[in-house]
N, C-alpha and C. Protein backbone atom coordinates (compact mmCIF):
# COMPACT_ATOMS: atom_id res chain seq x y z
N UNK A 1 54.15 -72.75 15.11
CA UNK A 1 53.68 -71.97 13.99
C UNK A 1 54.88 -71.40 13.25
N UNK A 2 54.99 -71.67 11.96
CA UNK A 2 56.06 -71.13 11.14
C UNK A 2 55.61 -69.78 10.59
N UNK A 3 56.52 -68.80 10.63
CA UNK A 3 56.19 -67.46 10.17
C UNK A 3 57.22 -67.00 9.16
N UNK A 4 56.81 -66.08 8.27
CA UNK A 4 57.80 -65.47 7.41
C UNK A 4 58.51 -64.37 8.21
N UNK A 5 59.58 -63.81 7.68
CA UNK A 5 60.39 -62.87 8.45
C UNK A 5 59.62 -61.62 8.85
N UNK A 6 58.68 -61.16 8.04
CA UNK A 6 57.94 -59.94 8.34
C UNK A 6 56.59 -60.20 8.97
N UNK A 7 56.22 -61.46 9.12
CA UNK A 7 54.89 -61.83 9.60
C UNK A 7 53.79 -61.21 8.75
N UNK A 8 54.07 -60.94 7.48
CA UNK A 8 53.08 -60.35 6.58
C UNK A 8 52.95 -61.18 5.33
N UNK A 9 51.75 -61.25 4.87
CA UNK A 9 51.45 -61.82 3.57
C UNK A 9 51.27 -60.63 2.65
N UNK A 10 52.01 -60.58 1.54
CA UNK A 10 51.87 -59.49 0.59
C UNK A 10 50.93 -59.96 -0.52
N UNK A 11 49.90 -59.16 -0.77
CA UNK A 11 48.91 -59.48 -1.80
C UNK A 11 49.09 -58.47 -2.92
N UNK A 12 49.32 -58.96 -4.14
CA UNK A 12 49.49 -58.09 -5.30
C UNK A 12 48.53 -58.53 -6.40
N UNK A 13 47.94 -57.53 -7.06
CA UNK A 13 47.10 -57.82 -8.21
C UNK A 13 47.62 -57.04 -9.40
N UNK A 14 47.83 -57.73 -10.51
CA UNK A 14 48.28 -57.11 -11.75
C UNK A 14 47.11 -57.17 -12.73
N UNK A 15 46.49 -56.01 -12.98
CA UNK A 15 45.32 -55.95 -13.85
C UNK A 15 45.68 -56.31 -15.29
N UNK A 16 46.90 -55.98 -15.73
CA UNK A 16 47.31 -56.27 -17.09
C UNK A 16 47.32 -57.75 -17.41
N UNK A 17 47.80 -58.55 -16.46
CA UNK A 17 47.84 -60.00 -16.67
C UNK A 17 46.73 -60.72 -15.91
N UNK A 18 45.92 -59.96 -15.18
CA UNK A 18 44.82 -60.51 -14.37
C UNK A 18 45.33 -61.62 -13.46
N UNK A 19 46.43 -61.31 -12.75
CA UNK A 19 47.06 -62.30 -11.86
C UNK A 19 47.09 -61.78 -10.43
N UNK A 20 46.72 -62.65 -9.51
CA UNK A 20 46.80 -62.37 -8.08
C UNK A 20 48.00 -63.12 -7.53
N UNK A 21 48.90 -62.40 -6.86
CA UNK A 21 50.07 -63.02 -6.25
C UNK A 21 49.97 -62.91 -4.73
N UNK A 22 50.22 -64.01 -4.05
CA UNK A 22 50.28 -64.05 -2.60
C UNK A 22 51.73 -64.37 -2.25
N UNK A 23 52.45 -63.36 -1.77
CA UNK A 23 53.88 -63.49 -1.52
C UNK A 23 54.09 -63.79 -0.04
N UNK A 24 54.65 -64.96 0.24
CA UNK A 24 54.93 -65.35 1.62
C UNK A 24 56.27 -64.82 2.09
N UNK A 25 57.25 -64.78 1.16
CA UNK A 25 58.56 -64.22 1.49
C UNK A 25 59.19 -63.71 0.20
N UNK A 26 59.98 -62.63 0.31
CA UNK A 26 60.62 -62.09 -0.89
C UNK A 26 61.70 -63.02 -1.40
N UNK A 27 61.95 -62.97 -2.69
CA UNK A 27 63.00 -63.78 -3.28
C UNK A 27 62.80 -63.91 -4.77
N UNK A 28 63.78 -64.49 -5.43
CA UNK A 28 63.71 -64.69 -6.87
C UNK A 28 63.13 -66.06 -7.16
N UNK A 29 62.10 -66.08 -7.99
CA UNK A 29 61.47 -67.35 -8.37
C UNK A 29 62.41 -68.15 -9.25
N UNK A 30 62.63 -69.39 -8.87
CA UNK A 30 63.48 -70.29 -9.64
C UNK A 30 62.64 -71.33 -10.38
N UNK A 31 61.50 -71.69 -9.81
CA UNK A 31 60.64 -72.71 -10.40
C UNK A 31 59.22 -72.50 -9.89
N UNK A 32 58.29 -73.15 -10.56
CA UNK A 32 56.91 -73.13 -10.09
C UNK A 32 56.26 -74.46 -10.44
N UNK A 33 55.18 -74.75 -9.73
CA UNK A 33 54.41 -75.96 -10.01
C UNK A 33 52.94 -75.58 -10.06
N UNK A 34 52.29 -75.93 -11.16
CA UNK A 34 50.87 -75.66 -11.28
C UNK A 34 50.12 -76.76 -10.52
N UNK A 35 49.39 -76.35 -9.49
CA UNK A 35 48.69 -77.32 -8.64
C UNK A 35 47.23 -77.48 -9.04
N UNK A 36 46.73 -76.56 -9.82
CA UNK A 36 45.38 -76.60 -10.39
C UNK A 36 45.41 -75.69 -11.61
N UNK A 37 44.48 -75.81 -12.52
CA UNK A 37 44.50 -74.93 -13.67
C UNK A 37 44.53 -73.45 -13.26
N UNK A 38 45.60 -72.75 -13.64
CA UNK A 38 45.74 -71.34 -13.32
C UNK A 38 46.19 -71.02 -11.92
N UNK A 39 46.58 -72.01 -11.13
CA UNK A 39 47.03 -71.80 -9.76
C UNK A 39 48.41 -72.44 -9.60
N UNK A 40 49.41 -71.62 -9.25
CA UNK A 40 50.78 -72.12 -9.15
C UNK A 40 51.41 -71.78 -7.81
N UNK A 41 52.32 -72.65 -7.38
CA UNK A 41 53.18 -72.39 -6.22
C UNK A 41 54.54 -71.99 -6.80
N UNK A 42 55.13 -70.91 -6.27
CA UNK A 42 56.42 -70.43 -6.74
C UNK A 42 57.50 -70.79 -5.72
N UNK A 43 58.67 -71.25 -6.21
CA UNK A 43 59.76 -71.72 -5.36
C UNK A 43 61.03 -70.93 -5.64
N UNK A 44 61.88 -70.81 -4.61
CA UNK A 44 63.20 -70.23 -4.81
C UNK A 44 64.18 -71.31 -5.23
N UNK A 45 65.45 -70.96 -5.39
CA UNK A 45 66.46 -71.90 -5.88
C UNK A 45 66.66 -73.10 -4.94
N UNK A 46 66.35 -72.92 -3.64
CA UNK A 46 66.50 -74.01 -2.67
C UNK A 46 65.23 -74.84 -2.52
N UNK A 47 64.21 -74.51 -3.31
CA UNK A 47 62.96 -75.27 -3.25
C UNK A 47 62.01 -74.80 -2.17
N UNK A 48 62.29 -73.65 -1.55
CA UNK A 48 61.40 -73.09 -0.53
C UNK A 48 60.28 -72.32 -1.20
N UNK A 49 59.10 -72.39 -0.64
CA UNK A 49 57.93 -71.72 -1.21
C UNK A 49 58.06 -70.21 -0.99
N UNK A 50 57.95 -69.47 -2.11
CA UNK A 50 57.94 -68.01 -2.05
C UNK A 50 56.51 -67.47 -2.00
N UNK A 51 55.61 -68.16 -2.71
CA UNK A 51 54.24 -67.69 -2.75
C UNK A 51 53.41 -68.45 -3.75
N UNK A 52 52.27 -67.86 -4.07
CA UNK A 52 51.29 -68.47 -4.95
C UNK A 52 50.87 -67.46 -6.00
N UNK A 53 50.50 -67.94 -7.17
CA UNK A 53 49.97 -67.07 -8.21
C UNK A 53 48.67 -67.68 -8.73
N UNK A 54 47.68 -66.82 -8.88
CA UNK A 54 46.37 -67.25 -9.37
C UNK A 54 46.06 -66.43 -10.62
N UNK A 55 45.95 -67.11 -11.76
CA UNK A 55 45.64 -66.45 -13.02
C UNK A 55 44.13 -66.34 -13.20
N UNK A 56 43.71 -65.44 -14.08
CA UNK A 56 42.29 -65.17 -14.30
C UNK A 56 41.60 -64.83 -12.99
N UNK A 57 42.29 -64.05 -12.19
CA UNK A 57 41.83 -63.76 -10.84
C UNK A 57 40.52 -62.99 -10.81
N UNK A 58 40.33 -62.06 -11.73
CA UNK A 58 39.09 -61.27 -11.68
C UNK A 58 37.86 -62.14 -11.88
N UNK A 59 37.98 -63.16 -12.69
CA UNK A 59 36.86 -64.08 -12.88
C UNK A 59 36.62 -64.90 -11.61
N UNK A 60 37.71 -65.30 -10.97
CA UNK A 60 37.59 -66.13 -9.77
C UNK A 60 37.13 -65.34 -8.54
N UNK A 61 37.55 -64.06 -8.48
CA UNK A 61 37.29 -63.23 -7.30
C UNK A 61 36.60 -61.93 -7.69
N UNK A 62 35.64 -61.98 -8.59
CA UNK A 62 35.03 -60.79 -9.16
C UNK A 62 34.59 -59.74 -8.13
N UNK A 63 33.85 -60.07 -7.08
CA UNK A 63 33.43 -59.04 -6.13
C UNK A 63 34.60 -58.35 -5.43
N UNK A 64 35.64 -59.09 -5.13
CA UNK A 64 36.80 -58.52 -4.44
C UNK A 64 37.53 -57.53 -5.36
N UNK A 65 37.72 -57.90 -6.63
CA UNK A 65 38.49 -57.07 -7.54
C UNK A 65 37.76 -55.82 -8.01
N UNK A 66 36.47 -55.78 -7.87
CA UNK A 66 35.76 -54.54 -8.18
C UNK A 66 36.24 -53.45 -7.23
N UNK A 67 36.51 -53.81 -5.99
CA UNK A 67 37.04 -52.86 -5.02
C UNK A 67 38.47 -52.46 -5.38
N UNK A 68 39.33 -53.42 -5.74
CA UNK A 68 40.72 -53.12 -6.09
C UNK A 68 40.81 -52.22 -7.32
N UNK A 69 40.00 -52.46 -8.30
CA UNK A 69 40.05 -51.64 -9.52
C UNK A 69 39.69 -50.20 -9.23
N UNK A 70 38.76 -49.98 -8.32
CA UNK A 70 38.35 -48.62 -8.01
C UNK A 70 39.37 -47.91 -7.11
N UNK A 71 40.31 -48.64 -6.54
CA UNK A 71 41.34 -48.06 -5.67
C UNK A 71 42.71 -48.52 -6.16
N UNK A 72 43.08 -48.13 -7.40
CA UNK A 72 44.30 -48.64 -8.03
C UNK A 72 45.57 -48.26 -7.28
N UNK A 73 45.52 -47.25 -6.41
CA UNK A 73 46.73 -46.89 -5.66
C UNK A 73 47.14 -47.98 -4.68
N UNK A 74 46.28 -48.95 -4.42
CA UNK A 74 46.59 -50.04 -3.51
C UNK A 74 47.03 -51.28 -4.28
N UNK A 75 48.11 -51.17 -5.06
CA UNK A 75 48.56 -52.31 -5.85
C UNK A 75 49.26 -53.36 -4.99
N UNK A 76 49.81 -52.94 -3.84
CA UNK A 76 50.42 -53.87 -2.91
C UNK A 76 49.86 -53.59 -1.52
N UNK A 77 49.24 -54.58 -0.94
CA UNK A 77 48.63 -54.41 0.37
C UNK A 77 49.28 -55.36 1.37
N UNK A 78 50.15 -54.85 2.27
CA UNK A 78 50.69 -55.75 3.28
C UNK A 78 49.59 -56.07 4.31
N UNK A 79 49.32 -57.32 4.48
CA UNK A 79 48.28 -57.75 5.40
C UNK A 79 48.93 -58.63 6.46
N UNK A 80 48.87 -58.21 7.73
CA UNK A 80 49.48 -59.05 8.77
C UNK A 80 48.69 -60.35 8.94
N UNK A 81 49.30 -61.43 8.53
CA UNK A 81 48.65 -62.74 8.63
C UNK A 81 49.67 -63.72 9.19
N UNK A 82 49.40 -64.34 10.33
CA UNK A 82 50.33 -65.36 10.80
C UNK A 82 50.33 -66.53 9.84
N UNK A 83 51.52 -66.99 9.49
CA UNK A 83 51.66 -68.12 8.59
C UNK A 83 51.78 -69.37 9.45
N UNK A 84 50.87 -70.31 9.25
CA UNK A 84 50.90 -71.52 10.08
C UNK A 84 51.34 -72.72 9.23
N UNK A 85 51.94 -73.66 9.88
CA UNK A 85 52.42 -74.86 9.19
C UNK A 85 51.28 -75.82 8.98
């Protein structure tokens, strides 16, 4: 099982751009590839996956984001998730 350094998946939601980010490891994005309309994989300079971004997230995950909007202080939620290969 491959894990990130913190064994945490960071989930961020930006209401302004309506984007959900799933960060597997911290780093500077160098490139991205859109794998489906509005869904991208983000890569660092060495081509390693940093995370995923999902646009129009509120439409895709409407019930989930109703909870996030009512609790705006939780803009970043570290969730312990083992990362598997």
